[in-house]
Amino acid sequence: DRACELVMAMAITTNVFMAMFACFLWLMSILFSGNRSWVFSARKMMALIISLLICTLTLTFLGVGLAIYSKLAPYWAEFVIAFSFFLGIVLYGVYTTSNLIAEELSLEYLHFPMWFKLFIPFPMLKCDGRQQIREAAEKRAKELKTRAYQERTMLNPNASASTSRRRGRSGVGVLLRRAADTIGRYDFDVSKYEDYLEQDWYNDADELRSMSAEVLSKYMPRRLAEELHNQLKLDITNVRTSSIGSGLFEDVGREYKVSWNVDEESE
């Protein structure tokens, strides 16, 4: 009885603190939901809450098992029935949770630490299950990569090649993404066409401006090549327009500097 009371006291303690930390995180999420870095910054708090949840579940299972044993141990028939019912609920719950996480969060499950997988081990017990998790994880990784390309373009559709080079990529990928979005292929991954161009050492947008749409179509679909060719011509026009320079003109004895921004002038 004392062991059961000790375990249940620990379970109640972890449950109370888990509820308090989760409530605090929920309130802070409402107040600071506009902060883009909030989700990343709250990862340690989420890890703490998940750890407390696992402790609560483990201690609850252990406490209920001890309670069944301490109350029904002299009556073995009743003990076997109650303990079998309790064990069936626990195993089925863990099995269902394991399959749900493995199917919907395959990439995350593949990278879970081993101690966490011990609480949801069923998908990893068979070779077929492990292979299915790897295949689903690769598929999810491709989906996340495609979504990252799409969201990057949506957040900054006019990203320049210089910004891409500072991030370790050429401006070719930016132009390909912009061309694909223009023709309505928002969720299409164009990174493989960038790789095709890289294989022939074309990793800068300036190197593609002398190519015709016919030549570009050897590396990508024809329609995408034509739109990319139009984007390159448009960039050339913008560069020439913006590089005309500045001049001076006189107006009633006053000297103004030419500006290409509307309503902007300086003496």
Protein backbone atom coordinates (compact mmCIF):
# COMPACT_ATOMS: atom_id res chain seq x y z
CA ASP A 1 0.00 0.00 0.00
CA ARG A 2 2.78 2.45 0.89
CA ALA A 3 4.58 1.78 -2.40
CA CYS A 4 1.35 2.39 -4.30
CA GLU A 5 0.74 5.63 -2.39
CA LEU A 6 4.31 6.80 -3.09
CA VAL A 7 4.03 6.12 -6.81
CA MET A 8 0.62 7.78 -7.09
CA ALA A 9 1.87 10.81 -5.13
CA MET A 10 4.69 11.20 -7.64
CA ALA A 11 2.22 10.79 -10.51
CA ILE A 12 -0.04 13.49 -9.10
CA THR A 13 2.94 15.82 -8.60
CA THR A 14 4.16 15.44 -12.18
CA ASN A 15 0.60 15.82 -13.47
CA VAL A 16 0.05 19.07 -11.56
CA PHE A 17 3.33 20.62 -12.71
CA MET A 18 2.71 19.48 -16.28
CA ALA A 19 -0.67 21.21 -16.22
CA MET A 20 0.83 24.43 -14.83
CA PHE A 21 3.68 24.55 -17.35
CA ALA A 22 1.30 23.76 -20.22
CA CYS A 23 -1.08 26.51 -19.08
CA PHE A 24 1.81 28.98 -18.89
CA LEU A 25 2.97 28.04 -22.39
CA TRP A 26 -0.58 28.34 -23.72
CA LEU A 27 -1.02 31.84 -22.27
CA MET A 28 2.37 32.99 -23.57
CA SER A 29 1.52 31.59 -27.02
CA ILE A 30 -1.63 33.72 -27.10
CA LEU A 31 0.19 36.86 -25.98
CA PHE A 32 3.25 36.47 -28.19
CA SER A 33 1.87 34.57 -31.19
CA GLY A 34 3.10 37.35 -33.49
CA ASN A 35 6.72 36.57 -32.65
CA ARG A 36 8.08 34.41 -35.50
CA SER A 37 10.77 32.85 -33.30
CA TRP A 38 8.36 31.90 -30.52
CA VAL A 39 7.80 28.31 -31.68
CA PHE A 40 11.53 27.65 -31.97
CA SER A 41 12.28 29.32 -28.65
CA ALA A 42 9.60 27.31 -26.83
CA ARG A 43 11.02 23.94 -27.87
CA LYS A 44 12.72 23.32 -24.50
CA MET A 45 9.50 24.08 -22.65
CA MET A 46 7.65 21.67 -24.93
CA ALA A 47 10.29 19.00 -24.30
CA LEU A 48 9.82 19.49 -20.54
CA ILE A 49 6.04 19.14 -20.83
CA ILE A 50 6.35 15.98 -22.95
CA SER A 51 8.81 14.51 -20.43
CA LEU A 52 6.41 15.23 -17.58
CA LEU A 53 3.59 13.65 -19.57
CA ILE A 54 5.63 10.49 -20.11
CA CYS A 55 6.49 10.39 -16.39
CA THR A 56 2.82 10.84 -15.48
CA LEU A 57 1.73 8.01 -17.76
CA THR A 58 4.49 5.68 -16.56
CA LEU A 59 3.85 6.37 -12.88
CA THR A 60 0.10 6.00 -13.37
CA PHE A 61 0.50 2.62 -15.06
CA LEU A 62 2.87 1.49 -12.30
CA GLY A 63 0.63 2.81 -9.54
CA VAL A 64 -2.50 1.13 -10.92
CA GLY A 65 -0.59 -2.15 -11.27
CA LEU A 66 0.62 -1.95 -7.67
CA ALA A 67 -2.89 -1.11 -6.47
CA ILE A 68 -4.35 -4.15 -8.23
CA TYR A 69 -1.66 -6.36 -6.73
CA SER A 70 -1.97 -5.00 -3.19
CA LYS A 71 -5.78 -5.26 -3.11
CA LEU A 72 -6.34 -8.50 -5.01
CA ALA A 73 -3.15 -10.52 -4.43
CA PRO A 74 -4.78 -13.01 -2.02
CA TYR A 75 -7.55 -13.60 -4.56
CA TRP A 76 -5.58 -14.83 -7.55
CA ALA A 77 -8.49 -15.37 -9.93
CA GLU A 78 -9.72 -11.81 -9.48
CA PHE A 79 -6.14 -10.55 -9.65
CA VAL A 80 -5.50 -12.28 -13.00
CA ILE A 81 -8.71 -10.92 -14.50
CA ALA A 82 -8.12 -7.34 -13.31
CA PHE A 83 -4.44 -7.31 -14.22
CA SER A 84 -5.12 -8.82 -17.67
CA PHE A 85 -7.74 -6.16 -18.34
CA PHE A 86 -5.34 -3.41 -17.18
CA LEU A 87 -2.43 -4.78 -19.25
CA GLY A 88 -4.62 -5.10 -22.35
CA ILE A 89 -5.65 -1.43 -22.13
CA VAL A 90 -2.04 -0.31 -21.68
CA LEU A 91 -0.63 -2.39 -24.54
CA TYR A 92 -3.42 -1.47 -26.94
CA GLY A 93 -3.05 2.22 -26.08
CA VAL A 94 0.71 2.14 -26.64
CA TYR A 95 0.26 0.17 -29.88
CA THR A 96 -2.31 2.65 -31.26
CA THR A 97 -0.21 5.66 -30.27
CA SER A 98 2.92 4.13 -31.79
CA ASN A 99 1.25 3.48 -35.15
CA LEU A 100 -0.28 6.97 -35.22
CA ILE A 101 3.07 8.66 -34.62
CA ALA A 102 4.90 6.39 -37.07
CA GLU A 103 2.35 7.02 -39.84
CA GLU A 104 1.80 10.75 -39.42
CA LEU A 105 5.22 11.81 -38.07
CA SER A 106 7.50 9.29 -39.74
CA LEU A 107 10.42 11.69 -40.22
CA GLU A 108 10.27 12.85 -36.60
CA TYR A 109 9.86 9.29 -35.33
CA LEU A 110 12.93 8.19 -37.27
CA HIS A 111 15.02 10.84 -35.48
CA PHE A 112 13.55 10.33 -32.01
CA PRO A 113 16.13 9.37 -29.34
CA MET A 114 16.21 5.69 -28.45
CA TRP A 115 14.88 6.23 -24.93
CA PHE A 116 11.76 7.84 -26.37
CA LYS A 117 11.24 5.02 -28.86
CA LEU A 118 11.18 2.54 -25.96
CA PHE A 119 7.79 3.97 -24.93
CA ILE A 120 6.38 3.49 -28.47
CA PRO A 121 8.38 0.52 -29.79
CA PHE A 122 5.86 -1.40 -31.91
CA PRO A 123 6.60 0.13 -35.37
CA MET A 124 10.31 -0.71 -35.02
CA LEU A 125 9.90 -4.36 -33.99
CA LYS A 126 9.58 -5.68 -37.57
CA CYS A 127 11.83 -5.17 -40.58
CA ASP A 128 8.84 -4.25 -42.74
CA GLY A 129 7.79 -1.63 -40.23
CA ARG A 130 11.25 -0.06 -40.15
CA GLN A 131 11.38 0.01 -43.97
CA GLN A 132 7.95 1.64 -44.18
CA ILE A 133 9.04 4.31 -41.69
CA ARG A 134 12.16 5.10 -43.74
CA GLU A 135 10.18 5.36 -46.98
CA ALA A 136 7.53 7.55 -45.38
CA ALA A 137 10.27 9.69 -43.79
CA GLU A 138 11.90 10.28 -47.20
CA LYS A 139 8.53 11.25 -48.68
CA ARG A 140 7.83 13.66 -45.82
CA ALA A 141 11.31 15.18 -46.16
CA LYS A 142 10.62 15.92 -49.84
CA GLU A 143 7.27 17.48 -48.95
CA LEU A 144 8.87 19.71 -46.32
CA LYS A 145 11.58 20.74 -48.79
CA THR A 146 8.95 21.68 -51.39
CA ARG A 147 6.99 23.64 -48.78
CA ALA A 148 10.15 25.46 -47.72
CA TYR A 149 10.78 26.57 -51.32
CA GLN A 150 7.18 27.74 -51.64
CA GLU A 151 7.11 29.65 -48.34
CA ARG A 152 10.50 31.23 -49.04
CA THR A 153 9.16 32.60 -52.30
CA MET A 154 5.91 33.79 -50.71
CA LEU A 155 7.75 35.63 -47.94
CA ASN A 156 10.29 37.21 -50.30
CA PRO A 157 9.26 36.83 -53.94
CA ASN A 158 11.84 39.40 -55.09
CA ALA A 159 14.79 37.76 -53.37
CA SER A 160 17.95 38.79 -55.17
CA ALA A 161 20.74 36.59 -56.34
CA SER A 162 23.17 38.27 -53.96
CA THR A 163 21.04 37.24 -50.99
CA SER A 164 20.95 33.68 -52.26
CA ARG A 165 24.72 33.63 -52.66
CA ARG A 166 25.16 34.80 -49.08
CA ARG A 167 23.06 31.81 -48.04
CA GLY A 168 25.27 29.46 -50.05
CA ARG A 169 23.04 29.16 -53.13
CA SER A 170 23.16 30.78 -56.56
CA GLY A 171 20.58 33.10 -58.05
CA VAL A 172 19.56 30.41 -60.53
CA GLY A 173 17.36 28.74 -57.93
CA VAL A 174 15.60 32.03 -57.18
CA LEU A 175 14.86 32.63 -60.87
CA LEU A 176 13.63 29.06 -61.35
CA ARG A 177 11.34 29.36 -58.35
CA ARG A 178 9.99 32.70 -59.56
CA ALA A 179 9.39 31.32 -63.07
CA ALA A 180 7.57 28.26 -61.72
CA ASP A 181 5.35 30.46 -59.53
CA THR A 182 4.54 32.69 -62.49
CA ILE A 183 3.11 29.77 -64.46
CA GLY A 184 1.16 28.53 -61.43
CA ARG A 185 3.42 25.68 -60.26
CA TYR A 186 3.68 26.89 -56.66
CA ASP A 187 4.25 23.49 -55.08
CA PHE A 188 6.65 22.14 -57.70
CA ASP A 189 10.24 21.48 -56.63
CA VAL A 190 12.62 23.06 -59.14
CA SER A 191 15.82 22.20 -57.31
CA LYS A 192 16.58 19.29 -59.65
CA TYR A 193 16.70 21.65 -62.65
CA GLU A 194 19.10 23.84 -60.72
CA ASP A 195 21.23 20.73 -60.16
CA TYR A 196 21.15 19.96 -63.90
CA LEU A 197 22.49 23.43 -64.65
CA GLU A 198 25.08 23.09 -61.92
CA GLN A 199 26.38 19.91 -63.55
CA ASP A 200 27.34 22.02 -66.59
CA TRP A 201 28.79 24.70 -64.30
CA TYR A 202 25.94 27.18 -64.76
CA ASN A 203 25.46 28.47 -61.23
CA ASP A 204 24.92 32.17 -61.81
CA ALA A 205 22.02 34.01 -63.40
CA ASP A 206 24.35 36.13 -65.54
CA GLU A 207 25.62 32.99 -67.28
CA LEU A 208 22.09 32.10 -68.45
CA ARG A 209 21.20 35.43 -70.06
CA SER A 210 22.91 34.56 -73.32
CA MET A 211 20.97 31.29 -73.63
CA SER A 212 17.85 30.95 -75.73
CA ALA A 213 14.69 29.24 -74.54
CA GLU A 214 15.59 26.31 -76.80
CA VAL A 215 18.88 25.75 -74.99
CA LEU A 216 17.29 26.16 -71.56
CA SER A 217 14.65 23.56 -72.44
CA LYS A 218 17.39 20.92 -72.49
CA TYR A 219 17.61 21.30 -68.71
CA MET A 220 13.92 21.72 -67.84
CA PRO A 221 10.39 21.57 -69.32
CA ARG A 222 9.79 23.81 -72.32
CA ARG A 223 7.22 26.08 -70.67
CA LEU A 224 9.42 26.63 -67.63
CA ALA A 225 12.37 27.38 -69.92
CA GLU A 226 10.37 30.00 -71.82
CA GLU A 227 9.24 31.68 -68.61
CA LEU A 228 12.78 31.60 -67.23
CA HIS A 229 14.00 33.20 -70.48
CA ASN A 230 11.40 35.95 -70.04
CA GLN A 231 12.49 36.48 -66.44
CA LEU A 232 16.11 36.84 -67.55
CA LYS A 233 15.15 39.39 -70.21
CA LEU A 234 13.10 41.29 -67.65
CA ASP A 235 16.05 41.39 -65.27
CA ILE A 236 18.27 42.76 -68.05
CA THR A 237 15.71 45.52 -68.75
CA ASN A 238 15.54 46.43 -65.06
CA VAL A 239 19.31 46.52 -64.78
CA ARG A 240 19.66 48.80 -67.83
CA THR A 241 16.88 51.09 -66.62
CA SER A 242 18.31 51.43 -63.14
CA SER A 243 21.85 52.02 -64.43
CA ILE A 244 21.07 55.04 -66.62
CA GLY A 245 22.46 57.11 -63.79
CA SER A 246 21.69 60.52 -62.41
CA GLY A 247 21.97 63.95 -63.95
CA LEU A 248 21.40 67.59 -63.20
CA PHE A 249 18.92 70.04 -64.58
CA GLU A 250 18.18 73.66 -63.83
CA ASP A 251 14.84 75.12 -62.86
CA VAL A 252 14.65 78.83 -62.07
CA GLY A 253 18.24 79.00 -61.00
CA ARG A 254 17.94 75.91 -58.79
CA GLU A 255 19.82 72.73 -59.36
CA TYR A 256 18.17 69.34 -58.74
CA LYS A 257 19.54 65.83 -58.76
CA VAL A 258 17.58 63.38 -60.89
CA SER A 259 15.92 60.64 -58.83
CA TRP A 260 14.06 57.58 -60.06
CA ASN A 261 11.81 57.46 -56.97
CA VAL A 262 8.45 59.16 -57.12
CA ASP A 263 8.10 62.44 -55.17
CA GLU A 264 11.76 62.38 -54.18
CA GLU A 265 14.08 65.27 -55.01
CA SER A 266 17.15 66.79 -53.44
CA GLU A 267 18.85 70.04 -53.97
